[in-house]
Amino acid sequence: PFAAHLRRAAETERAGAQVLWTPDHGPLPSLYLSHGAPMLFE
């Protein structure tokens, strides 16, 4: 499943590169994330 995720991520990036942060964007948010364990890769 993680290999498939990497392929999808690469396809998404090829379709349109992620916009790089600039000061015009203002402050980034702060995040709290539930991170799982290696099984998250599945």
PDB file of all heavy atoms in Angstrom:
ATOM      1  N   PRO A   1       0.800  -1.238   0.000  1.00  0.00           N
ATOM      2  CA  PRO A   1       0.000   0.000   0.000  1.00  0.00           C
ATOM      3  C   PRO A   1       0.825   1.277   0.000  1.00  0.00           C
ATOM      4  O   PRO A   1       0.422   2.279  -0.611  1.00  0.00           O
ATOM      5  CB  PRO A   1      -0.830  -0.122   1.279  1.00  0.00           C
ATOM      6  CG  PRO A   1      -0.948  -1.587   1.503  1.00  0.00           C
ATOM      7  CD  PRO A   1       0.357  -2.172   1.055  1.00  0.00           C
ATOM      8  N   PHE A   2       1.993   1.271   0.649  1.00  0.00           N
ATOM      9  CA  PHE A   2       2.798   2.499   0.661  1.00  0.00           C
ATOM     10  C   PHE A   2       3.437   2.757  -0.696  1.00  0.00           C
ATOM     11  O   PHE A   2       3.577   3.907  -1.110  1.00  0.00           O
ATOM     12  CB  PHE A   2       3.874   2.450   1.745  1.00  0.00           C
ATOM     13  CG  PHE A   2       4.659   3.735   1.843  1.00  0.00           C
ATOM     14  CD1 PHE A   2       4.030   4.932   2.153  1.00  0.00           C
ATOM     15  CD2 PHE A   2       6.024   3.752   1.599  1.00  0.00           C
ATOM     16  CE1 PHE A   2       4.739   6.131   2.223  1.00  0.00           C
ATOM     17  CE2 PHE A   2       6.745   4.939   1.677  1.00  0.00           C
ATOM     18  CZ  PHE A   2       6.103   6.140   1.988  1.00  0.00           C
ATOM     19  N   ALA A   3       3.807   1.703  -1.417  1.00  0.00           N
ATOM     20  CA  ALA A   3       4.326   1.894  -2.778  1.00  0.00           C
ATOM     21  C   ALA A   3       3.260   2.532  -3.659  1.00  0.00           C
ATOM     22  O   ALA A   3       3.551   3.433  -4.467  1.00  0.00           O
ATOM     23  CB  ALA A   3       4.789   0.558  -3.364  1.00  0.00           C
ATOM     24  N   ALA A   4       2.017   2.082  -3.505  1.00  0.00           N
ATOM     25  CA  ALA A   4       0.916   2.688  -4.260  1.00  0.00           C
ATOM     26  C   ALA A   4       0.731   4.152  -3.848  1.00  0.00           C
ATOM     27  O   ALA A   4       0.458   5.011  -4.691  1.00  0.00           O
ATOM     28  CB  ALA A   4      -0.371   1.899  -4.041  1.00  0.00           C
ATOM     29  N   HIS A   5       0.880   4.431  -2.550  1.00  0.00           N
ATOM     30  CA  HIS A   5       0.771   5.814  -2.071  1.00  0.00           C
ATOM     31  C   HIS A   5       1.844   6.684  -2.713  1.00  0.00           C
ATOM     32  O   HIS A   5       1.564   7.821  -3.140  1.00  0.00           O
ATOM     33  CB  HIS A   5       0.898   5.848  -0.552  1.00  0.00           C
ATOM     34  CG  HIS A   5       0.905   7.234   0.024  1.00  0.00           C
ATOM     35  ND1 HIS A   5      -0.239   7.989   0.171  1.00  0.00           N
ATOM     36  CD2 HIS A   5       1.926   8.020   0.466  1.00  0.00           C
ATOM     37  CE1 HIS A   5       0.067   9.165   0.690  1.00  0.00           C
ATOM     38  NE2 HIS A   5       1.368   9.209   0.869  1.00  0.00           N
ATOM     39  N   LEU A   6       3.057   6.179  -2.780  1.00  0.00           N
ATOM     40  CA  LEU A   6       4.147   6.945  -3.395  1.00  0.00           C
ATOM     41  C   LEU A   6       3.856   7.232  -4.869  1.00  0.00           C
ATOM     42  O   LEU A   6       4.131   8.334  -5.358  1.00  0.00           O
ATOM     43  CB  LEU A   6       5.469   6.193  -3.260  1.00  0.00           C
ATOM     44  CG  LEU A   6       6.053   6.104  -1.854  1.00  0.00           C
ATOM     45  CD1 LEU A   6       7.277   5.187  -1.850  1.00  0.00           C
ATOM     46  CD2 LEU A   6       6.434   7.491  -1.342  1.00  0.00           C
ATOM     47  N   ARG A   7       3.283   6.264  -5.561  1.00  0.00           N
ATOM     48  CA  ARG A   7       2.945   6.485  -6.969  1.00  0.00           C
ATOM     49  C   ARG A   7       1.874   7.563  -7.105  1.00  0.00           C
ATOM     50  O   ARG A   7       1.970   8.451  -7.967  1.00  0.00           O
ATOM     51  CB  ARG A   7       2.490   5.172  -7.620  1.00  0.00           C
ATOM     52  CG  ARG A   7       3.599   4.137  -7.778  1.00  0.00           C
ATOM     53  CD  ARG A   7       3.174   2.987  -8.680  1.00  0.00           C
ATOM     54  NE  ARG A   7       2.089   2.183  -8.114  1.00  0.00           N
ATOM     55  CZ  ARG A   7       2.274   1.118  -7.331  1.00  0.00           C
ATOM     56  NH1 ARG A   7       3.496   0.738  -7.009  1.00  0.00           N
ATOM     57  NH2 ARG A   7       1.245   0.420  -6.875  1.00  0.00           N
ATOM     58  N   ARG A   8       0.865   7.501  -6.253  1.00  0.00           N
ATOM     59  CA  ARG A   8      -0.197   8.518  -6.312  1.00  0.00           C
ATOM     60  C   ARG A   8       0.351   9.902  -5.975  1.00  0.00           C
ATOM     61  O   ARG A   8      -0.010  10.899  -6.612  1.00  0.00           O
ATOM     62  CB  ARG A   8      -1.326   8.151  -5.353  1.00  0.00           C
ATOM     63  CG  ARG A   8      -2.168   6.966  -5.788  1.00  0.00           C
ATOM     64  CD  ARG A   8      -3.429   6.843  -4.926  1.00  0.00           C
ATOM     65  NE  ARG A   8      -3.113   6.633  -3.521  1.00  0.00           N
ATOM     66  CZ  ARG A   8      -2.920   5.441  -2.974  1.00  0.00           C
ATOM     67  NH1 ARG A   8      -3.008   4.348  -3.717  1.00  0.00           N
ATOM     68  NH2 ARG A   8      -2.655   5.330  -1.683  1.00  0.00           N
ATOM     69  N   ALA A   9       1.219   9.963  -4.970  1.00  0.00           N
ATOM     70  CA  ALA A   9       1.805  11.247  -4.587  1.00  0.00           C
ATOM     71  C   ALA A   9       2.630  11.832  -5.726  1.00  0.00           C
ATOM     72  O   ALA A   9       2.579  13.046  -5.989  1.00  0.00           O
ATOM     73  CB  ALA A   9       2.659  11.079  -3.333  1.00  0.00           C
ATOM     74  N   ALA A  10       3.391  10.986  -6.398  1.00  0.00           N
ATOM     75  CA  ALA A  10       4.210  11.457  -7.524  1.00  0.00           C
ATOM     76  C   ALA A  10       3.335  11.938  -8.673  1.00  0.00           C
ATOM     77  O   ALA A  10       3.622  12.961  -9.316  1.00  0.00           O
ATOM     78  CB  ALA A  10       5.141  10.341  -7.992  1.00  0.00           C
ATOM     79  N   GLU A  11       2.243  11.231  -8.927  1.00  0.00           N
ATOM     80  CA  GLU A  11       1.326  11.648  -9.989  1.00  0.00           C
ATOM     81  C   GLU A  11       0.687  12.997  -9.658  1.00  0.00           C
ATOM     82  O   GLU A  11       0.524  13.865 -10.529  1.00  0.00           O
ATOM     83  CB  GLU A  11       0.250  10.582 -10.192  1.00  0.00           C
ATOM     84  CG  GLU A  11       0.773   9.286 -10.795  1.00  0.00           C
ATOM     85  CD  GLU A  11      -0.244   8.162 -10.717  1.00  0.00           C
ATOM     86  OE1 GLU A  11      -1.368   8.416 -10.220  1.00  0.00           O
ATOM     87  OE2 GLU A  11       0.086   7.037 -11.133  1.00  0.00           O
ATOM     88  N   THR A  12       0.331  13.181  -8.391  1.00  0.00           N
ATOM     89  CA  THR A  12      -0.261  14.449  -7.962  1.00  0.00           C
ATOM     90  C   THR A  12       0.726  15.586  -8.153  1.00  0.00           C
ATOM     91  O   THR A  12       0.357  16.670  -8.625  1.00  0.00           O
ATOM     92  CB  THR A  12      -0.685  14.362  -6.487  1.00  0.00           C
ATOM     93  OG1 THR A  12      -1.648  13.315  -6.333  1.00  0.00           O
ATOM     94  CG2 THR A  12      -1.296  15.680  -6.024  1.00  0.00           C
ATOM     95  N   GLU A  13       1.987  15.355  -7.804  1.00  0.00           N
ATOM     96  CA  GLU A  13       3.006  16.392  -7.947  1.00  0.00           C
ATOM     97  C   GLU A  13       3.259  16.713  -9.418  1.00  0.00           C
ATOM     98  O   GLU A  13       3.440  17.880  -9.791  1.00  0.00           O
ATOM     99  CB  GLU A  13       4.300  15.950  -7.262  1.00  0.00           C
ATOM    100  CG  GLU A  13       5.415  16.974  -7.259  1.00  0.00           C
ATOM    101  CD  GLU A  13       5.136  18.189  -6.388  1.00  0.00           C
ATOM    102  OE1 GLU A  13       4.183  18.163  -5.586  1.00  0.00           O
ATOM    103  OE2 GLU A  13       5.882  19.185  -6.523  1.00  0.00           O
ATOM    104  N   ARG A  14       3.250  15.691 -10.267  1.00  0.00           N
ATOM    105  CA  ARG A  14       3.444  15.931 -11.700  1.00  0.00           C
ATOM    106  C   ARG A  14       2.285  16.728 -12.283  1.00  0.00           C
ATOM    107  O   ARG A  14       2.467  17.562 -13.181  1.00  0.00           O
ATOM    108  CB  ARG A  14       3.593  14.605 -12.456  1.00  0.00           C
ATOM    109  CG  ARG A  14       4.950  13.943 -12.284  1.00  0.00           C
ATOM    110  CD  ARG A  14       5.151  12.832 -13.291  1.00  0.00           C
ATOM    111  NE  ARG A  14       4.218  11.726 -13.087  1.00  0.00           N
ATOM    112  CZ  ARG A  14       4.455  10.673 -12.310  1.00  0.00           C
ATOM    113  NH1 ARG A  14       5.599  10.593 -11.645  1.00  0.00           N
ATOM    114  NH2 ARG A  14       3.570   9.703 -12.196  1.00  0.00           N
ATOM    115  N   ALA A  15       1.097  16.503 -11.768  1.00  0.00           N
ATOM    116  CA  ALA A  15      -0.077  17.221 -12.263  1.00  0.00           C
ATOM    117  C   ALA A  15      -0.056  18.683 -11.854  1.00  0.00           C
ATOM    118  O   ALA A  15      -0.663  19.531 -12.520  1.00  0.00           O
ATOM    119  CB  ALA A  15      -1.356  16.551 -11.761  1.00  0.00           C
ATOM    120  N   GLY A  16       0.626  18.990 -10.783  1.00  0.00           N
ATOM    121  CA  GLY A  16       0.727  20.376 -10.328  1.00  0.00           C
ATOM    122  C   GLY A  16       1.601  20.456  -9.093  1.00  0.00           C
ATOM    123  O   GLY A  16       1.239  19.913  -8.044  1.00  0.00           O
ATOM    124  N   ALA A  17       2.766  21.057  -9.221  1.00  0.00           N
ATOM    125  CA  ALA A  17       3.705  21.118  -8.105  1.00  0.00           C
ATOM    126  C   ALA A  17       3.087  21.878  -6.931  1.00  0.00           C
ATOM    127  O   ALA A  17       2.361  22.865  -7.125  1.00  0.00           O
ATOM    128  CB  ALA A  17       5.005  21.795  -8.536  1.00  0.00           C
ATOM    129  N   GLN A  18       3.363  21.412  -5.724  1.00  0.00           N
ATOM    130  CA  GLN A  18       2.857  22.081  -4.534  1.00  0.00           C
ATOM    131  C   GLN A  18       3.441  23.485  -4.436  1.00  0.00           C
ATOM    132  O   GLN A  18       4.633  23.693  -4.639  1.00  0.00           O
ATOM    133  CB  GLN A  18       3.210  21.284  -3.276  1.00  0.00           C
ATOM    134  CG  GLN A  18       2.586  21.841  -2.004  1.00  0.00           C
ATOM    135  CD  GLN A  18       2.777  20.920  -0.816  1.00  0.00           C
ATOM    136  OE1 GLN A  18       3.464  19.905  -0.909  1.00  0.00           O
ATOM    137  NE2 GLN A  18       2.165  21.259   0.300  1.00  0.00           N
ATOM    138  N   VAL A  19       2.592  24.441  -4.134  1.00  0.00           N
ATOM    139  CA  VAL A  19       3.019  25.833  -4.043  1.00  0.00           C
ATOM    140  C   VAL A  19       3.944  26.015  -2.847  1.00  0.00           C
ATOM    141  O   VAL A  19       3.611  25.602  -1.724  1.00  0.00           O
ATOM    142  CB  VAL A  19       1.801  26.763  -3.916  1.00  0.00           C
ATOM    143  CG1 VAL A  19       2.241  28.201  -3.720  1.00  0.00           C
ATOM    144  CG2 VAL A  19       0.908  26.623  -5.150  1.00  0.00           C
ATOM    145  N   LEU A  20       5.090  26.597  -3.047  1.00  0.00           N
ATOM    146  CA  LEU A  20       6.035  26.848  -1.967  1.00  0.00           C
ATOM    147  C   LEU A  20       5.578  28.034  -1.125  1.00  0.00           C
ATOM    148  O   LEU A  20       5.056  29.022  -1.653  1.00  0.00           O
ATOM    149  CB  LEU A  20       7.428  27.127  -2.530  1.00  0.00           C
ATOM    150  CG  LEU A  20       8.089  25.986  -3.317  1.00  0.00           C
ATOM    151  CD1 LEU A  20       9.403  26.459  -3.921  1.00  0.00           C
ATOM    152  CD2 LEU A  20       8.320  24.778  -2.417  1.00  0.00           C
ATOM    153  N   TRP A  21       5.758  27.945   0.184  1.00  0.00           N
ATOM    154  CA  TRP A  21       5.374  29.034   1.077  1.00  0.00           C
ATOM    155  C   TRP A  21       6.170  30.290   0.756  1.00  0.00           C
ATOM    156  O   TRP A  21       7.387  30.243   0.510  1.00  0.00           O
ATOM    157  CB  TRP A  21       5.613  28.648   2.530  1.00  0.00           C
ATOM    158  CG  TRP A  21       5.233  29.747   3.502  1.00  0.00           C
ATOM    159  CD1 TRP A  21       4.019  29.951   4.067  1.00  0.00           C
ATOM    160  CD2 TRP A  21       6.080  30.807   3.966  1.00  0.00           C
ATOM    161  NE1 TRP A  21       4.043  31.078   4.862  1.00  0.00           N
ATOM    162  CE2 TRP A  21       5.295  31.624   4.816  1.00  0.00           C
ATOM    163  CE3 TRP A  21       7.414  31.149   3.741  1.00  0.00           C
ATOM    164  CZ2 TRP A  21       5.799  32.750   5.450  1.00  0.00           C
ATOM    165  CZ3 TRP A  21       7.929  32.275   4.363  1.00  0.00           C
ATOM    166  CH2 TRP A  21       7.128  33.058   5.216  1.00  0.00           C
ATOM    167  N   THR A  22       5.475  31.434   0.761  1.00  0.00           N
ATOM    168  CA  THR A  22       6.106  32.750   0.688  1.00  0.00           C
ATOM    169  C   THR A  22       5.470  33.624   1.763  1.00  0.00           C
ATOM    170  O   THR A  22       4.382  33.310   2.271  1.00  0.00           O
ATOM    171  CB  THR A  22       5.896  33.417  -0.684  1.00  0.00           C
ATOM    172  OG1 THR A  22       4.505  33.774  -0.826  1.00  0.00           O
ATOM    173  CG2 THR A  22       6.315  32.493  -1.821  1.00  0.00           C
ATOM    174  N   PRO A  23       6.108  34.724   2.131  1.00  0.00           N
ATOM    175  CA  PRO A  23       5.504  35.612   3.137  1.00  0.00           C
ATOM    176  C   PRO A  23       4.097  36.069   2.780  1.00  0.00           C
ATOM    177  O   PRO A  23       3.296  36.384   3.674  1.00  0.00           O
ATOM    178  CB  PRO A  23       6.493  36.780   3.208  1.00  0.00           C
ATOM    179  CG  PRO A  23       7.804  36.173   2.825  1.00  0.00           C
ATOM    180  CD  PRO A  23       7.474  35.167   1.765  1.00  0.00           C
ATOM    181  N   ASP A  24       3.785  36.097   1.487  1.00  0.00           N
ATOM    182  CA  ASP A  24       2.439  36.517   1.083  1.00  0.00           C
ATOM    183  C   ASP A  24       1.357  35.556   1.590  1.00  0.00           C
ATOM    184  O   ASP A  24       0.189  35.945   1.687  1.00  0.00           O
ATOM    185  CB  ASP A  24       2.355  36.613  -0.439  1.00  0.00           C
ATOM    186  CG  ASP A  24       3.164  37.784  -0.994  1.00  0.00           C
ATOM    187  OD1 ASP A  24       3.464  38.717  -0.223  1.00  0.00           O
ATOM    188  OD2 ASP A  24       3.498  37.749  -2.195  1.00  0.00           O
ATOM    189  N   HIS A  25       1.733  34.318   1.899  1.00  0.00           N
ATOM    190  CA  HIS A  25       0.763  33.353   2.408  1.00  0.00           C
ATOM    191  C   HIS A  25       0.398  33.626   3.866  1.00  0.00           C
ATOM    192  O   HIS A  25      -0.606  33.112   4.364  1.00  0.00           O
ATOM    193  CB  HIS A  25       1.313  31.928   2.298  1.00  0.00           C
ATOM    194  CG  HIS A  25       1.390  31.414   0.897  1.00  0.00           C
ATOM    195  ND1 HIS A  25       2.580  31.213   0.231  1.00  0.00           N
ATOM    196  CD2 HIS A  25       0.413  31.059   0.025  1.00  0.00           C
ATOM    197  CE1 HIS A  25       2.340  30.748  -0.986  1.00  0.00           C
ATOM    198  NE2 HIS A  25       1.027  30.646  -1.132  1.00  0.00           N
ATOM    199  N   GLY A  26       1.203  34.403   4.559  1.00  0.00           N
ATOM    200  CA  GLY A  26       0.971  34.613   5.982  1.00  0.00           C
ATOM    201  C   GLY A  26       1.457  33.422   6.783  1.00  0.00           C
ATOM    202  O   GLY A  26       2.018  32.458   6.246  1.00  0.00           O
ATOM    203  N   PRO A  27       1.255  33.438   8.088  1.00  0.00           N
ATOM    204  CA  PRO A  27       1.748  32.344   8.935  1.00  0.00           C
ATOM    205  C   PRO A  27       1.104  31.007   8.570  1.00  0.00           C
ATOM    206  O   PRO A  27      -0.088  30.944   8.259  1.00  0.00           O
ATOM    207  CB  PRO A  27       1.337  32.775  10.352  1.00  0.00           C
ATOM    208  CG  PRO A  27       1.096  34.247  10.262  1.00  0.00           C
ATOM    209  CD  PRO A  27       0.595  34.506   8.879  1.00  0.00           C
ATOM    210  N   LEU A  28       1.903  29.972   8.613  1.00  0.00           N
ATOM    211  CA  LEU A  28       1.352  28.634   8.470  1.00  0.00           C
ATOM    212  C   LEU A  28       0.560  28.270   9.726  1.00  0.00           C
ATOM    213  O   LEU A  28       0.838  28.789  10.808  1.00  0.00           O
ATOM    214  CB  LEU A  28       2.483  27.614   8.271  1.00  0.00           C
ATOM    215  CG  LEU A  28       3.167  27.607   6.906  1.00  0.00           C
ATOM    216  CD1 LEU A  28       4.409  26.730   6.950  1.00  0.00           C
ATOM    217  CD2 LEU A  28       2.210  27.114   5.823  1.00  0.00           C
ATOM    218  N   PRO A  29      -0.413  27.374   9.625  1.00  0.00           N
ATOM    219  CA  PRO A  29      -1.097  26.917  10.839  1.00  0.00           C
ATOM    220  C   PRO A  29      -0.169  26.018  11.648  1.00  0.00           C
ATOM    221  O   PRO A  29       0.853  25.544  11.142  1.00  0.00           O
ATOM    222  CB  PRO A  29      -2.289  26.133  10.288  1.00  0.00           C
ATOM    223  CG  PRO A  29      -1.823  25.636   8.964  1.00  0.00           C
ATOM    224  CD  PRO A  29      -0.939  26.728   8.411  1.00  0.00           C
ATOM    225  N   SER A  30      -0.513  25.788  12.904  1.00  0.00           N
ATOM    226  CA  SER A  30       0.149  24.748  13.682  1.00  0.00           C
ATOM    227  C   SER A  30      -0.742  23.507  13.648  1.00  0.00           C
ATOM    228  O   SER A  30      -1.971  23.615  13.573  1.00  0.00           O
ATOM    229  CB  SER A  30       0.401  25.209  15.119  1.00  0.00           C
ATOM    230  OG  SER A  30      -0.799  25.643  15.739  1.00  0.00           O
ATOM    231  N   LEU A  31      -0.131  22.335  13.697  1.00  0.00           N
ATOM    232  CA  LEU A  31      -0.850  21.081  13.490  1.00  0.00           C
ATOM    233  C   LEU A  31      -0.736  20.173  14.705  1.00  0.00           C
ATOM    234  O   LEU A  31       0.312  20.132  15.360  1.00  0.00           O
ATOM    235  CB  LEU A  31      -0.281  20.325  12.287  1.00  0.00           C
ATOM    236  CG  LEU A  31      -0.749  20.662  10.874  1.00  0.00           C
ATOM    237  CD1 LEU A  31      -0.645  22.154  10.562  1.00  0.00           C
ATOM    238  CD2 LEU A  31       0.058  19.859   9.845  1.00  0.00           C
ATOM    239  N   TYR A  32      -1.814  19.470  15.002  1.00  0.00           N
ATOM    240  CA  TYR A  32      -1.756  18.305  15.884  1.00  0.00           C
ATOM    241  C   TYR A  32      -2.189  17.112  15.051  1.00  0.00           C
ATOM    242  O   TYR A  32      -3.277  17.130  14.447  1.00  0.00           O
ATOM    243  CB  TYR A  32      -2.681  18.442  17.100  1.00  0.00           C
ATOM    244  CG  TYR A  32      -2.768  17.159  17.907  1.00  0.00           C
ATOM    245  CD1 TYR A  32      -1.769  16.818  18.814  1.00  0.00           C
ATOM    246  CD2 TYR A  32      -3.829  16.276  17.732  1.00  0.00           C
ATOM    247  CE1 TYR A  32      -1.833  15.636  19.540  1.00  0.00           C
ATOM    248  CE2 TYR A  32      -3.906  15.084  18.453  1.00  0.00           C
ATOM    249  CZ  TYR A  32      -2.901  14.771  19.355  1.00  0.00           C
ATOM    250  OH  TYR A  32      -2.959  13.595  20.062  1.00  0.00           O
ATOM    251  N   LEU A  33      -1.346  16.102  14.986  1.00  0.00           N
ATOM    252  CA  LEU A  33      -1.721  14.933  14.197  1.00  0.00           C
ATOM    253  C   LEU A  33      -1.562  13.665  15.006  1.00  0.00           C
ATOM    254  O   LEU A  33      -0.684  13.543  15.865  1.00  0.00           O
ATOM    255  CB  LEU A  33      -0.920  14.861  12.895  1.00  0.00           C
ATOM    256  CG  LEU A  33       0.606  14.813  12.927  1.00  0.00           C
ATOM    257  CD1 LEU A  33       1.107  13.394  13.140  1.00  0.00           C
ATOM    258  CD2 LEU A  33       1.167  15.361  11.612  1.00  0.00           C
ATOM    259  N   SER A  34      -2.471  12.737  14.750  1.00  0.00           N
ATOM    260  CA  SER A  34      -2.360  11.387  15.279  1.00  0.00           C
ATOM    261  C   SER A  34      -1.497  10.607  14.308  1.00  0.00           C
ATOM    262  O   SER A  34      -1.806  10.539  13.117  1.00  0.00           O
ATOM    263  CB  SER A  34      -3.747  10.758  15.423  1.00  0.00           C
ATOM    264  OG  SER A  34      -4.521  11.456  16.386  1.00  0.00           O
ATOM    265  N   HIS A  35      -0.390  10.052  14.811  1.00  0.00           N
ATOM    266  CA  HIS A  35       0.634   9.584  13.878  1.00  0.00           C
ATOM    267  C   HIS A  35       0.638   8.095  13.595  1.00  0.00           C
ATOM    268  O   HIS A  35       1.324   7.641  12.685  1.00  0.00           O
ATOM    269  CB  HIS A  35       2.025  10.000  14.363  1.00  0.00           C
ATOM    270  CG  HIS A  35       2.437   9.402  15.682  1.00  0.00           C
ATOM    271  ND1 HIS A  35       2.746  10.187  16.757  1.00  0.00           N
ATOM    272  CD2 HIS A  35       2.603   8.126  16.096  1.00  0.00           C
ATOM    273  CE1 HIS A  35       3.095   9.427  17.782  1.00  0.00           C
ATOM    274  NE2 HIS A  35       3.004   8.170  17.410  1.00  0.00           N
ATOM    275  N   GLY A  36      -0.077   7.294  14.376  1.00  0.00           N
ATOM    276  CA  GLY A  36      -0.061   5.872  14.086  1.00  0.00           C
ATOM    277  C   GLY A  36       1.307   5.259  14.309  1.00  0.00           C
ATOM    278  O   GLY A  36       2.181   5.825  14.958  1.00  0.00           O
ATOM    279  N   ALA A  37       1.503   4.077  13.780  1.00  0.00           N
ATOM    280  CA  ALA A  37       2.749   3.326  13.886  1.00  0.00           C
ATOM    281  C   ALA A  37       3.116   2.869  12.479  1.00  0.00           C
ATOM    282  O   ALA A  37       2.474   3.289  11.505  1.00  0.00           O
ATOM    283  CB  ALA A  37       2.538   2.141  14.835  1.00  0.00           C
ATOM    284  N   PRO A  38       4.153   2.039  12.316  1.00  0.00           N
ATOM    285  CA  PRO A  38       4.460   1.581  10.955  1.00  0.00           C
ATOM    286  C   PRO A  38       3.282   0.970  10.213  1.00  0.00           C
ATOM    287  O   PRO A  38       3.249   1.000   8.984  1.00  0.00           O
ATOM    288  CB  PRO A  38       5.574   0.557  11.195  1.00  0.00           C
ATOM    289  CG  PRO A  38       6.281   1.083  12.398  1.00  0.00           C
ATOM    290  CD  PRO A  38       5.177   1.623  13.279  1.00  0.00           C
ATOM    291  N   MET A  39       2.298   0.432  10.940  1.00  0.00           N
ATOM    292  CA  MET A  39       1.124  -0.107  10.254  1.00  0.00           C
ATOM    293  C   MET A  39       0.346   0.976   9.497  1.00  0.00           C
ATOM    294  O   MET A  39      -0.460   0.663   8.621  1.00  0.00           O
ATOM    295  CB  MET A  39       0.199  -0.816  11.243  1.00  0.00           C
ATOM    296  CG  MET A  39      -0.456   0.080  12.267  1.00  0.00           C
ATOM    297  SD  MET A  39      -1.531  -0.833  13.417  1.00  0.00           S
ATOM    298  CE  MET A  39      -0.332  -1.787  14.339  1.00  0.00           C
ATOM    299  N   LEU A  40       0.623   2.240   9.797  1.00  0.00           N
ATOM    300  CA  LEU A  40       0.008   3.334   9.042  1.00  0.00           C
ATOM    301  C   LEU A  40       0.367   3.231   7.561  1.00  0.00           C
ATOM    302  O   LEU A  40      -0.421   3.626   6.692  1.00  0.00           O
ATOM    303  CB  LEU A  40       0.458   4.679   9.622  1.00  0.00           C
ATOM    304  CG  LEU A  40      -0.018   5.968   8.955  1.00  0.00           C
ATOM    305  CD1 LEU A  40      -1.521   6.008   8.781  1.00  0.00           C
ATOM    306  CD2 LEU A  40       0.454   7.175   9.767  1.00  0.00           C
ATOM    307  N   PHE A  41       1.546   2.691   7.263  1.00  0.00           N
ATOM    308  CA  PHE A  41       1.965   2.536   5.867  1.00  0.00           C
ATOM    309  C   PHE A  41       1.110   1.522   5.115  1.00  0.00           C
ATOM    310  O   PHE A  41       1.277   1.348   3.913  1.00  0.00           O
ATOM    311  CB  PHE A  41       3.437   2.116   5.792  1.00  0.00           C
ATOM    312  CG  PHE A  41       4.403   3.189   6.210  1.00  0.00           C
ATOM    313  CD1 PHE A  41       5.222   3.011   7.311  1.00  0.00           C
ATOM    314  CD2 PHE A  41       4.501   4.373   5.497  1.00  0.00           C
ATOM    315  CE1 PHE A  41       6.126   3.988   7.699  1.00  0.00           C
ATOM    316  CE2 PHE A  41       5.396   5.350   5.874  1.00  0.00           C
ATOM    317  CZ  PHE A  41       6.211   5.170   6.976  1.00  0.00           C
ATOM    318  N   GLU A  42       0.221   0.837   5.824  1.00  0.00           N
ATOM    319  CA  GLU A  42      -0.664  -0.140   5.186  1.00  0.00           C
ATOM    320  C   GLU A  42      -2.110   0.336   5.151  1.00  0.00           C
ATOM    321  O   GLU A  42      -2.983  -0.388   4.700  1.00  0.00           O
ATOM    322  CB  GLU A  42      -0.558  -1.472   5.946  1.00  0.00           C
ATOM    323  CG  GLU A  42       0.853  -2.028   5.972  1.00  0.00           C
ATOM    324  CD  GLU A  42       1.011  -3.220   6.901  1.00  0.00           C
ATOM    325  OE1 GLU A  42      -0.020  -3.782   7.323  1.00  0.00           O
ATOM    326  OE2 GLU A  42       2.169  -3.579   7.202  1.00  0.00           O
TER     327      GLU A  42
END
